[in-house]
Amino acid sequence: MEYILQPWPWYVSGPLIAIVMFLLLYFGRTFGMSSNLRTLCAIGGAGKKVEFFKFDWKSQRWNLVVVLGAILGGFIAHFLLSNPTNIDLSQNTIQDLKTLGFENAGKSLLPPELFSWDAVFTIKGFLILIIGGFLVGFGTRYAGGCTSGHAITGLSSLQLPSLIAVVGFFLGGLIMIHFIYPILF
């Protein structure tokens, strides 16, 4: 049990991801969470109004099990396997986070300044959720997939567009945290 509660080293988790990707490629499947939203919309009947959702969603039922597993796995990890220890951050990182307004840097994976109900139910928090959700949805569609789809499936099958997308994701994250985030908060 102690082994499960600790972060897994790269030489364990990396090969496990590689085995899963090999099996998906072998069976002609691709992995990505954003494609499930398309499937759910098709199940809900969106194909009657929008051409993009007219496809055989029944062939994607297996991928909905992945979503269910991610939700269930997240629940189990949070409520049954969480190890409530402080996060080892360098003092420079803690100072940088304090200047950005994070008072309990290193005490929680989800800082309450961003993830508490008090933060969400403000005008600012609500606008960030709405605008951020729109931008993520637009970006996912524009890039032809989400971060997990491009970074795991696309890169493992040596697709150049996925490499370009992953580099864009990282650059976008750097621009966000160093330039946009200080303006917003």
C-alpha atoms as a PDB file:
ATOM      1  CA  MET A   1       0.000   0.000   0.000  1.00  0.00           C
ATOM      2  CA  GLU A   2       2.870   2.359   0.771  1.00  0.00           C
ATOM      3  CA  TYR A   3       4.156   1.943  -2.814  1.00  0.00           C
ATOM      4  CA  ILE A   4       0.817   3.061  -4.253  1.00  0.00           C
ATOM      5  CA  LEU A   5       0.716   6.181  -2.072  1.00  0.00           C
ATOM      6  CA  GLN A   6       4.098   7.457  -3.289  1.00  0.00           C
ATOM      7  CA  PRO A   7       4.724   9.109  -6.675  1.00  0.00           C
ATOM      8  CA  TRP A   8       5.741   6.473  -9.176  1.00  0.00           C
ATOM      9  CA  PRO A   9       9.144   6.869 -10.822  1.00  0.00           C
ATOM     10  CA  TRP A  10       9.418   7.408 -14.555  1.00  0.00           C
ATOM     11  CA  TYR A  11      10.797   3.900 -15.130  1.00  0.00           C
ATOM     12  CA  VAL A  12       7.502   2.433 -13.849  1.00  0.00           C
ATOM     13  CA  SER A  13       4.882   4.866 -15.135  1.00  0.00           C
ATOM     14  CA  GLY A  14       6.582   5.477 -18.510  1.00  0.00           C
ATOM     15  CA  PRO A  15       6.598   1.822 -19.586  1.00  0.00           C
ATOM     16  CA  LEU A  16       2.998   1.423 -18.366  1.00  0.00           C
ATOM     17  CA  ILE A  17       1.919   4.307 -20.609  1.00  0.00           C
ATOM     18  CA  ALA A  18       3.954   2.793 -23.459  1.00  0.00           C
ATOM     19  CA  ILE A  19       2.227  -0.583 -23.035  1.00  0.00           C
ATOM     20  CA  VAL A  20      -1.215   1.056 -23.079  1.00  0.00           C
ATOM     21  CA  MET A  21      -0.276   3.047 -26.201  1.00  0.00           C
ATOM     22  CA  PHE A  22       1.084  -0.058 -27.917  1.00  0.00           C
ATOM     23  CA  LEU A  23      -2.194  -1.877 -27.238  1.00  0.00           C
ATOM     24  CA  LEU A  24      -4.250   1.077 -28.506  1.00  0.00           C
ATOM     25  CA  LEU A  25      -2.182   1.362 -31.687  1.00  0.00           C
ATOM     26  CA  TYR A  26      -2.292  -2.414 -32.182  1.00  0.00           C
ATOM     27  CA  PHE A  27      -6.091  -2.402 -32.006  1.00  0.00           C
ATOM     28  CA  GLY A  28      -6.365   0.719 -34.193  1.00  0.00           C
ATOM     29  CA  ARG A  29      -7.601   3.036 -31.448  1.00  0.00           C
ATOM     30  CA  THR A  30      -6.547   6.526 -30.480  1.00  0.00           C
ATOM     31  CA  PHE A  31      -6.588   8.066 -27.040  1.00  0.00           C
ATOM     32  CA  GLY A  32      -7.782  11.530 -26.137  1.00  0.00           C
ATOM     33  CA  MET A  33     -10.335  12.987 -23.786  1.00  0.00           C
ATOM     34  CA  SER A  34     -11.695  15.715 -26.062  1.00  0.00           C
ATOM     35  CA  SER A  35     -13.064  13.197 -28.567  1.00  0.00           C
ATOM     36  CA  ASN A  36     -15.409  12.000 -25.824  1.00  0.00           C
ATOM     37  CA  LEU A  37     -17.194  15.348 -25.780  1.00  0.00           C
ATOM     38  CA  ARG A  38     -17.975  14.874 -29.466  1.00  0.00           C
ATOM     39  CA  THR A  39     -19.261  11.376 -28.695  1.00  0.00           C
ATOM     40  CA  LEU A  40     -21.445  12.625 -25.828  1.00  0.00           C
ATOM     41  CA  CYS A  41     -22.875  15.386 -28.035  1.00  0.00           C
ATOM     42  CA  ALA A  42     -23.637  12.831 -30.762  1.00  0.00           C
ATOM     43  CA  ILE A  43     -25.363  10.579 -28.226  1.00  0.00           C
ATOM     44  CA  GLY A  44     -27.440  13.592 -27.134  1.00  0.00           C
ATOM     45  CA  GLY A  45     -28.640  14.161 -30.694  1.00  0.00           C
ATOM     46  CA  ALA A  46     -26.436  17.058 -31.781  1.00  0.00           C
ATOM     47  CA  GLY A  47     -25.968  15.325 -35.133  1.00  0.00           C
ATOM     48  CA  LYS A  48     -29.501  16.376 -36.075  1.00  0.00           C
ATOM     49  CA  LYS A  49     -28.399  20.016 -36.129  1.00  0.00           C
ATOM     50  CA  VAL A  50     -24.634  20.015 -36.762  1.00  0.00           C
ATOM     51  CA  GLU A  51     -22.821  17.974 -39.412  1.00  0.00           C
ATOM     52  CA  PHE A  52     -19.691  17.561 -37.234  1.00  0.00           C
ATOM     53  CA  PHE A  53     -21.630  15.363 -34.803  1.00  0.00           C
ATOM     54  CA  LYS A  54     -23.031  13.033 -37.481  1.00  0.00           C
ATOM     55  CA  PHE A  55     -20.869   9.938 -37.067  1.00  0.00           C
ATOM     56  CA  ASP A  56     -21.095   6.419 -35.697  1.00  0.00           C
ATOM     57  CA  TRP A  57     -20.753   7.204 -32.001  1.00  0.00           C
ATOM     58  CA  LYS A  58     -21.319   3.567 -31.063  1.00  0.00           C
ATOM     59  CA  SER A  59     -17.833   2.766 -32.347  1.00  0.00           C
ATOM     60  CA  GLN A  60     -16.478   5.142 -29.670  1.00  0.00           C
ATOM     61  CA  ARG A  61     -18.255   3.579 -26.675  1.00  0.00           C
ATOM     62  CA  TRP A  62     -14.991   2.064 -25.483  1.00  0.00           C
ATOM     63  CA  ASN A  63     -13.525   5.557 -25.083  1.00  0.00           C
ATOM     64  CA  LEU A  64     -16.385   6.559 -22.785  1.00  0.00           C
ATOM     65  CA  VAL A  65     -15.163   3.818 -20.453  1.00  0.00           C
ATOM     66  CA  VAL A  66     -11.849   5.711 -20.357  1.00  0.00           C
ATOM     67  CA  VAL A  67     -13.710   8.833 -19.148  1.00  0.00           C
ATOM     68  CA  LEU A  68     -15.564   6.822 -16.533  1.00  0.00           C
ATOM     69  CA  GLY A  69     -12.262   5.288 -15.421  1.00  0.00           C
ATOM     70  CA  ALA A  70     -10.640   8.735 -15.192  1.00  0.00           C
ATOM     71  CA  ILE A  71     -13.491  10.039 -13.048  1.00  0.00           C
ATOM     72  CA  LEU A  72     -13.564   6.958 -10.846  1.00  0.00           C
ATOM     73  CA  GLY A  73      -9.765   6.859 -10.610  1.00  0.00           C
ATOM     74  CA  GLY A  74      -9.630  10.523  -9.625  1.00  0.00           C
ATOM     75  CA  PHE A  75     -12.238   9.928  -6.935  1.00  0.00           C
ATOM     76  CA  ILE A  76     -10.373   6.917  -5.540  1.00  0.00           C
ATOM     77  CA  ALA A  77      -7.022   8.719  -5.679  1.00  0.00           C
ATOM     78  CA  HIS A  78      -8.369  11.772  -3.873  1.00  0.00           C
ATOM     79  CA  PHE A  79     -10.504  10.139  -1.204  1.00  0.00           C
ATOM     80  CA  LEU A  80      -8.709   6.829  -0.600  1.00  0.00           C
ATOM     81  CA  LEU A  81      -5.102   7.196  -1.713  1.00  0.00           C
ATOM     82  CA  SER A  82      -4.224  10.812  -0.933  1.00  0.00           C
ATOM     83  CA  ASN A  83      -1.139  11.298   1.131  1.00  0.00           C
ATOM     84  CA  PRO A  84      -1.647  14.597   3.004  1.00  0.00           C
ATOM     85  CA  THR A  85       1.953  15.735   3.056  1.00  0.00           C
ATOM     86  CA  ASN A  86       3.416  19.042   2.063  1.00  0.00           C
ATOM     87  CA  ILE A  87       4.731  19.429  -1.446  1.00  0.00           C
ATOM     88  CA  ASP A  88       8.480  19.884  -1.707  1.00  0.00           C
ATOM     89  CA  LEU A  89       8.939  23.240  -3.426  1.00  0.00           C
ATOM     90  CA  SER A  90      12.070  25.328  -3.544  1.00  0.00           C
ATOM     91  CA  GLN A  91      12.107  28.495  -1.474  1.00  0.00           C
ATOM     92  CA  ASN A  92      12.355  30.565  -4.664  1.00  0.00           C
ATOM     93  CA  THR A  93       9.159  28.971  -5.998  1.00  0.00           C
ATOM     94  CA  ILE A  94       7.362  29.570  -2.703  1.00  0.00           C
ATOM     95  CA  GLN A  95       8.438  33.234  -2.765  1.00  0.00           C
ATOM     96  CA  ASP A  96       7.330  33.618  -6.393  1.00  0.00           C
ATOM     97  CA  LEU A  97       3.947  32.085  -5.572  1.00  0.00           C
ATOM     98  CA  LYS A  98       3.539  34.352  -2.535  1.00  0.00           C
ATOM     99  CA  THR A  99       4.132  37.410  -4.722  1.00  0.00           C
ATOM    100  CA  LEU A 100       1.334  36.107  -6.962  1.00  0.00           C
ATOM    101  CA  GLY A 101      -1.006  35.881  -3.952  1.00  0.00           C
ATOM    102  CA  PHE A 102      -0.699  32.232  -2.894  1.00  0.00           C
ATOM    103  CA  GLU A 103      -0.386  32.250   0.889  1.00  0.00           C
ATOM    104  CA  ASN A 104      -0.162  28.484   1.442  1.00  0.00           C
ATOM    105  CA  ALA A 105       2.253  27.571  -1.350  1.00  0.00           C
ATOM    106  CA  GLY A 106       3.357  23.956  -1.033  1.00  0.00           C
ATOM    107  CA  LYS A 107       0.615  22.982   1.423  1.00  0.00           C
ATOM    108  CA  SER A 108      -1.917  21.737  -1.125  1.00  0.00           C
ATOM    109  CA  LEU A 109      -2.034  20.551  -4.728  1.00  0.00           C
ATOM    110  CA  LEU A 110      -5.115  22.707  -5.301  1.00  0.00           C
ATOM    111  CA  PRO A 111      -4.547  26.173  -3.836  1.00  0.00           C
ATOM    112  CA  PRO A 112      -7.708  27.587  -2.263  1.00  0.00           C
ATOM    113  CA  GLU A 113      -7.026  30.953  -3.904  1.00  0.00           C
ATOM    114  CA  LEU A 114      -8.071  29.308  -7.191  1.00  0.00           C
ATOM    115  CA  PHE A 115     -10.030  26.170  -6.337  1.00  0.00           C
ATOM    116  CA  SER A 116     -12.250  27.004  -3.362  1.00  0.00           C
ATOM    117  CA  TRP A 117     -15.971  27.624  -3.753  1.00  0.00           C
ATOM    118  CA  ASP A 118     -15.380  31.162  -2.494  1.00  0.00           C
ATOM    119  CA  ALA A 119     -13.038  31.796  -5.438  1.00  0.00           C
ATOM    120  CA  VAL A 120     -15.406  30.234  -7.971  1.00  0.00           C
ATOM    121  CA  PHE A 121     -18.532  32.130  -6.877  1.00  0.00           C
ATOM    122  CA  THR A 122     -17.118  35.568  -7.520  1.00  0.00           C
ATOM    123  CA  ILE A 123     -17.641  37.565 -10.693  1.00  0.00           C
ATOM    124  CA  LYS A 124     -13.955  37.198 -11.501  1.00  0.00           C
ATOM    125  CA  GLY A 125     -13.958  33.435 -10.825  1.00  0.00           C
ATOM    126  CA  PHE A 126     -17.115  32.899 -12.860  1.00  0.00           C
ATOM    127  CA  LEU A 127     -15.754  34.902 -15.815  1.00  0.00           C
ATOM    128  CA  ILE A 128     -12.477  32.990 -15.708  1.00  0.00           C
ATOM    129  CA  LEU A 129     -14.386  29.682 -15.805  1.00  0.00           C
ATOM    130  CA  ILE A 130     -16.602  30.767 -18.708  1.00  0.00           C
ATOM    131  CA  ILE A 131     -13.876  32.409 -20.792  1.00  0.00           C
ATOM    132  CA  GLY A 132     -11.327  29.695 -19.944  1.00  0.00           C
ATOM    133  CA  GLY A 133     -13.799  26.956 -20.855  1.00  0.00           C
ATOM    134  CA  PHE A 134     -14.540  28.629 -24.178  1.00  0.00           C
ATOM    135  CA  LEU A 135     -10.831  29.059 -24.956  1.00  0.00           C
ATOM    136  CA  VAL A 136     -10.024  25.447 -24.037  1.00  0.00           C
ATOM    137  CA  GLY A 137     -12.918  24.171 -26.156  1.00  0.00           C
ATOM    138  CA  PHE A 138     -11.992  26.379 -29.104  1.00  0.00           C
ATOM    139  CA  GLY A 139      -8.300  25.521 -28.797  1.00  0.00           C
ATOM    140  CA  THR A 140      -8.989  21.808 -28.583  1.00  0.00           C
ATOM    141  CA  ARG A 141     -11.077  21.909 -31.733  1.00  0.00           C
ATOM    142  CA  TYR A 142      -8.662  24.212 -33.560  1.00  0.00           C
ATOM    143  CA  ALA A 143      -5.647  22.041 -32.651  1.00  0.00           C
ATOM    144  CA  GLY A 144      -7.488  18.868 -33.620  1.00  0.00           C
ATOM    145  CA  GLY A 145      -7.304  17.362 -30.153  1.00  0.00           C
ATOM    146  CA  CYS A 146      -6.480  17.916 -26.516  1.00  0.00           C
ATOM    147  CA  THR A 147      -3.190  17.771 -24.661  1.00  0.00           C
ATOM    148  CA  SER A 148      -3.555  14.104 -23.758  1.00  0.00           C
ATOM    149  CA  GLY A 149      -4.471  13.131 -27.299  1.00  0.00           C
ATOM    150  CA  HIS A 150      -1.588  14.997 -28.917  1.00  0.00           C
ATOM    151  CA  ALA A 151       1.053  14.410 -26.231  1.00  0.00           C
ATOM    152  CA  ILE A 152       0.359  10.725 -25.678  1.00  0.00           C
ATOM    153  CA  THR A 153      -1.229   9.334 -28.833  1.00  0.00           C
ATOM    154  CA  GLY A 154       0.096  11.784 -31.401  1.00  0.00           C
ATOM    155  CA  LEU A 155       3.699  11.791 -30.237  1.00  0.00           C
ATOM    156  CA  SER A 156       3.797   8.022 -29.765  1.00  0.00           C
ATOM    157  CA  SER A 157       2.675   7.569 -33.365  1.00  0.00           C
ATOM    158  CA  LEU A 158       5.270  10.150 -34.536  1.00  0.00           C
ATOM    159  CA  GLN A 159       2.815  12.705 -35.918  1.00  0.00           C
ATOM    160  CA  LEU A 160       4.419  16.074 -36.720  1.00  0.00           C
ATOM    161  CA  PRO A 161       1.173  18.046 -36.112  1.00  0.00           C
ATOM    162  CA  SER A 162       1.070  16.613 -32.583  1.00  0.00           C
ATOM    163  CA  LEU A 163       4.649  17.703 -31.935  1.00  0.00           C
ATOM    164  CA  ILE A 164       3.781  21.214 -33.104  1.00  0.00           C
ATOM    165  CA  ALA A 165       0.651  21.205 -30.934  1.00  0.00           C
ATOM    166  CA  VAL A 166       2.551  20.022 -27.828  1.00  0.00           C
ATOM    167  CA  VAL A 167       5.208  22.706 -28.312  1.00  0.00           C
ATOM    168  CA  GLY A 168       2.341  25.210 -28.630  1.00  0.00           C
ATOM    169  CA  PHE A 169       0.749  23.916 -25.425  1.00  0.00           C
ATOM    170  CA  PHE A 170       3.979  24.423 -23.510  1.00  0.00           C
ATOM    171  CA  LEU A 171       4.604  27.863 -24.993  1.00  0.00           C
ATOM    172  CA  GLY A 172       1.021  28.858 -24.213  1.00  0.00           C
ATOM    173  CA  GLY A 173       1.443  27.683 -20.618  1.00  0.00           C
ATOM    174  CA  LEU A 174       4.650  29.673 -20.215  1.00  0.00           C
ATOM    175  CA  ILE A 175       3.069  32.803 -21.679  1.00  0.00           C
ATOM    176  CA  MET A 176       0.042  32.355 -19.440  1.00  0.00           C
ATOM    177  CA  ILE A 177       1.901  31.949 -16.175  1.00  0.00           C
ATOM    178  CA  HIS A 178       4.551  34.596 -16.791  1.00  0.00           C
ATOM    179  CA  PHE A 179       2.563  37.302 -18.568  1.00  0.00           C
ATOM    180  CA  ILE A 180      -1.223  36.853 -18.384  1.00  0.00           C
ATOM    181  CA  TYR A 181      -1.627  35.364 -14.893  1.00  0.00           C
ATOM    182  CA  PRO A 182       0.073  38.315 -13.117  1.00  0.00           C
ATOM    183  CA  ILE A 183      -2.333  40.680 -14.892  1.00  0.00           C
ATOM    184  CA  LEU A 184      -5.407  38.654 -13.901  1.00  0.00           C
ATOM    185  CA  PHE A 185      -4.390  38.129 -10.297  1.00  0.00           C
END
